[in-house]
Amino acid sequence: MQLDDTLIALADDTRRRILRRLASGEARVTEVAEPFDISLNSVSKHIRLLERAGRVRRRVAGRDHFLALEPGPFDELTQWMQETRQFWSSRLDRLEATLRADDAIEKARKTPPSPKKRSSK
């Protein structure tokens, strides 16, 4: 479930941009929202989704809400990506070997046999 939440969180460009901003350090919600051409309410919805997914944590100090990137949950995503890459690399390597073997067999079938030399006695 955590992986699903991460993938959903990363599926939107606005959320990815929020995460990129937070990768450089903690920021107030208003600072995070500033570069977007959408309402603060809309940015807040994106932030809440990131919080539910465990990608962002919030710290409240008086009236200020500070956001920070929570890098730990990305480890699960990285591991999944590496395992998926290994799986498909292995499968594609086997497919390539099979296709090469099939090509070699087909080539051998099409190549006429070379004439045999007769020994003179």
C-alpha atoms as a PDB file:
ATOM      1  CA  MET A   1       0.000   0.000   0.000  1.00  0.00           C
ATOM      2  CA  GLN A   2       2.832   2.423   0.792  1.00  0.00           C
ATOM      3  CA  LEU A   3       4.280   1.901  -2.686  1.00  0.00           C
ATOM      4  CA  ASP A   4       0.884   2.626  -4.256  1.00  0.00           C
ATOM      5  CA  ASP A   5       0.627   5.858  -2.255  1.00  0.00           C
ATOM      6  CA  THR A   6       4.110   6.879  -3.384  1.00  0.00           C
ATOM      7  CA  LEU A   7       3.343   6.223  -7.040  1.00  0.00           C
ATOM      8  CA  ILE A   8       0.071   8.148  -6.807  1.00  0.00           C
ATOM      9  CA  ALA A   9       1.882  11.029  -5.102  1.00  0.00           C
ATOM     10  CA  LEU A  10       4.511  11.110  -7.851  1.00  0.00           C
ATOM     11  CA  ALA A  11       1.946  10.888 -10.652  1.00  0.00           C
ATOM     12  CA  ASP A  12       1.251  14.623 -10.633  1.00  0.00           C
ATOM     13  CA  ASP A  13       3.724  17.265 -11.806  1.00  0.00           C
ATOM     14  CA  THR A  14       2.629  19.758  -9.136  1.00  0.00           C
ATOM     15  CA  ARG A  15       3.393  17.253  -6.377  1.00  0.00           C
ATOM     16  CA  ARG A  16       6.744  16.373  -7.950  1.00  0.00           C
ATOM     17  CA  ARG A  17       7.610  20.076  -8.052  1.00  0.00           C
ATOM     18  CA  ILE A  18       6.622  20.430  -4.385  1.00  0.00           C
ATOM     19  CA  LEU A  19       8.903  17.516  -3.515  1.00  0.00           C
ATOM     20  CA  ARG A  20      11.770  19.018  -5.545  1.00  0.00           C
ATOM     21  CA  ARG A  21      11.344  22.281  -3.617  1.00  0.00           C
ATOM     22  CA  LEU A  22      11.337  20.478  -0.275  1.00  0.00           C
ATOM     23  CA  ALA A  23      14.434  18.509  -1.266  1.00  0.00           C
ATOM     24  CA  SER A  24      16.366  21.748  -0.787  1.00  0.00           C
ATOM     25  CA  GLY A  25      15.063  22.176   2.761  1.00  0.00           C
ATOM     26  CA  GLU A  26      12.124  22.918   5.013  1.00  0.00           C
ATOM     27  CA  ALA A  27       9.721  25.656   3.863  1.00  0.00           C
ATOM     28  CA  ARG A  28       6.510  27.362   4.908  1.00  0.00           C
ATOM     29  CA  VAL A  29       3.373  26.238   3.090  1.00  0.00           C
ATOM     30  CA  THR A  30       3.009  29.698   1.562  1.00  0.00           C
ATOM     31  CA  GLU A  31       6.602  29.546   0.253  1.00  0.00           C
ATOM     32  CA  VAL A  32       5.928  26.178  -1.320  1.00  0.00           C
ATOM     33  CA  ALA A  33       2.704  27.467  -2.920  1.00  0.00           C
ATOM     34  CA  GLU A  34       4.178  30.714  -4.248  1.00  0.00           C
ATOM     35  CA  PRO A  35       5.504  29.533  -7.653  1.00  0.00           C
ATOM     36  CA  PHE A  36       2.249  27.816  -8.643  1.00  0.00           C
ATOM     37  CA  ASP A  37      -0.470  29.465 -10.712  1.00  0.00           C
ATOM     38  CA  ILE A  38      -3.165  27.752  -8.649  1.00  0.00           C
ATOM     39  CA  SER A  39      -4.885  28.711  -5.420  1.00  0.00           C
ATOM     40  CA  LEU A  40      -3.343  28.103  -2.006  1.00  0.00           C
ATOM     41  CA  ASN A  41      -6.273  25.765  -1.353  1.00  0.00           C
ATOM     42  CA  SER A  42      -5.346  23.652  -4.395  1.00  0.00           C
ATOM     43  CA  VAL A  43      -1.698  23.481  -3.341  1.00  0.00           C
ATOM     44  CA  SER A  44      -2.837  22.492   0.149  1.00  0.00           C
ATOM     45  CA  LYS A  45      -4.758  19.557  -1.331  1.00  0.00           C
ATOM     46  CA  HIS A  46      -1.599  18.376  -3.080  1.00  0.00           C
ATOM     47  CA  ILE A  47       0.347  18.767   0.159  1.00  0.00           C
ATOM     48  CA  ARG A  48      -2.241  16.753   2.102  1.00  0.00           C
ATOM     49  CA  LEU A  49      -1.964  13.941  -0.432  1.00  0.00           C
ATOM     50  CA  LEU A  50       1.827  13.993  -0.031  1.00  0.00           C
ATOM     51  CA  GLU A  51       1.414  13.916   3.747  1.00  0.00           C
ATOM     52  CA  ARG A  52      -0.995  10.948   3.597  1.00  0.00           C
ATOM     53  CA  ALA A  53       1.507   9.146   1.390  1.00  0.00           C
ATOM     54  CA  GLY A  54       4.206   9.807   4.005  1.00  0.00           C
ATOM     55  CA  ARG A  55       6.381  11.823   1.590  1.00  0.00           C
ATOM     56  CA  VAL A  56       6.059  15.125   3.478  1.00  0.00           C
ATOM     57  CA  ARG A  57       5.897  15.974   7.154  1.00  0.00           C
ATOM     58  CA  ARG A  58       4.435  19.117   8.667  1.00  0.00           C
ATOM     59  CA  ARG A  59       5.703  21.046  11.669  1.00  0.00           C
ATOM     60  CA  VAL A  60       3.492  23.713  13.222  1.00  0.00           C
ATOM     61  CA  ALA A  61       5.097  26.625  15.038  1.00  0.00           C
ATOM     62  CA  GLY A  62       2.440  29.056  16.161  1.00  0.00           C
ATOM     63  CA  ARG A  63       0.569  30.087  13.028  1.00  0.00           C
ATOM     64  CA  ASP A  64       3.288  28.925  10.663  1.00  0.00           C
ATOM     65  CA  HIS A  65       3.155  25.520   9.033  1.00  0.00           C
ATOM     66  CA  PHE A  66       6.513  24.208   7.863  1.00  0.00           C
ATOM     67  CA  LEU A  67       6.897  21.334   5.430  1.00  0.00           C
ATOM     68  CA  ALA A  68       9.840  19.006   5.041  1.00  0.00           C
ATOM     69  CA  LEU A  69      10.599  16.128   2.727  1.00  0.00           C
ATOM     70  CA  GLU A  70      10.365  12.684   4.303  1.00  0.00           C
ATOM     71  CA  PRO A  71      12.984  10.754   2.302  1.00  0.00           C
ATOM     72  CA  GLY A  72      12.660   7.359   4.004  1.00  0.00           C
ATOM     73  CA  PRO A  73       9.566   6.109   2.159  1.00  0.00           C
ATOM     74  CA  PHE A  74      11.360   6.568  -1.163  1.00  0.00           C
ATOM     75  CA  ASP A  75      13.610   3.662  -0.199  1.00  0.00           C
ATOM     76  CA  GLU A  76      10.722   1.248  -0.807  1.00  0.00           C
ATOM     77  CA  LEU A  77      10.138   2.763  -4.247  1.00  0.00           C
ATOM     78  CA  THR A  78      13.834   2.570  -5.104  1.00  0.00           C
ATOM     79  CA  GLN A  79      13.981  -1.073  -4.047  1.00  0.00           C
ATOM     80  CA  TRP A  80      10.885  -1.916  -6.112  1.00  0.00           C
ATOM     81  CA  MET A  81      12.351  -0.169  -9.145  1.00  0.00           C
ATOM     82  CA  GLN A  82      15.652  -2.041  -8.808  1.00  0.00           C
ATOM     83  CA  GLU A  83      13.905  -5.395  -8.413  1.00  0.00           C
ATOM     84  CA  THR A  84      11.665  -4.673 -11.400  1.00  0.00           C
ATOM     85  CA  ARG A  85      14.649  -3.649 -13.483  1.00  0.00           C
ATOM     86  CA  GLN A  86      16.553  -6.802 -12.540  1.00  0.00           C
ATOM     87  CA  PHE A  87      13.533  -8.971 -13.356  1.00  0.00           C
ATOM     88  CA  TRP A  88      13.020  -7.459 -16.807  1.00  0.00           C
ATOM     89  CA  SER A  89      16.731  -7.322 -17.612  1.00  0.00           C
ATOM     90  CA  SER A  90      16.991 -11.024 -16.837  1.00  0.00           C
ATOM     91  CA  ARG A  91      13.911 -11.846 -18.922  1.00  0.00           C
ATOM     92  CA  LEU A  92      15.121  -9.750 -21.845  1.00  0.00           C
ATOM     93  CA  ASP A  93      18.602 -11.327 -21.666  1.00  0.00           C
ATOM     94  CA  ARG A  94      17.007 -14.788 -21.883  1.00  0.00           C
ATOM     95  CA  LEU A  95      14.824 -13.677 -24.773  1.00  0.00           C
ATOM     96  CA  GLU A  96      17.850 -12.317 -26.607  1.00  0.00           C
ATOM     97  CA  ALA A  97      19.738 -15.592 -26.092  1.00  0.00           C
ATOM     98  CA  THR A  98      16.752 -17.588 -27.375  1.00  0.00           C
ATOM     99  CA  LEU A  99      16.379 -15.395 -30.455  1.00  0.00           C
ATOM    100  CA  ARG A 100      20.094 -15.642 -31.222  1.00  0.00           C
ATOM    101  CA  ALA A 101      19.928 -19.427 -30.913  1.00  0.00           C
ATOM    102  CA  ASP A 102      16.884 -19.511 -33.214  1.00  0.00           C
ATOM    103  CA  ASP A 103      18.713 -17.312 -35.729  1.00  0.00           C
ATOM    104  CA  ALA A 104      21.754 -19.608 -35.648  1.00  0.00           C
ATOM    105  CA  ILE A 105      19.579 -22.698 -36.224  1.00  0.00           C
ATOM    106  CA  GLU A 106      17.762 -21.002 -39.112  1.00  0.00           C
ATOM    107  CA  LYS A 107      21.042 -19.910 -40.662  1.00  0.00           C
ATOM    108  CA  ALA A 108      22.414 -23.444 -40.376  1.00  0.00           C
ATOM    109  CA  ARG A 109      19.314 -24.824 -42.136  1.00  0.00           C
ATOM    110  CA  LYS A 110      19.660 -22.371 -45.025  1.00  0.00           C
ATOM    111  CA  THR A 111      23.395 -22.878 -45.538  1.00  0.00           C
ATOM    112  CA  PRO A 112      24.021 -25.580 -48.132  1.00  0.00           C
ATOM    113  CA  PRO A 113      26.310 -28.374 -46.986  1.00  0.00           C
ATOM    114  CA  SER A 114      29.857 -28.043 -48.200  1.00  0.00           C
ATOM    115  CA  PRO A 115      30.991 -30.722 -50.704  1.00  0.00           C
ATOM    116  CA  LYS A 116      32.861 -33.600 -49.125  1.00  0.00           C
ATOM    117  CA  LYS A 117      36.360 -34.271 -50.313  1.00  0.00           C
ATOM    118  CA  ARG A 118      36.935 -37.751 -51.678  1.00  0.00           C
ATOM    119  CA  SER A 119      39.963 -39.546 -50.644  1.00  0.00           C
ATOM    120  CA  SER A 120      41.876 -41.160 -53.524  1.00  0.00           C
ATOM    121  CA  LYS A 121      43.003 -44.757 -52.980  1.00  0.00           C
END
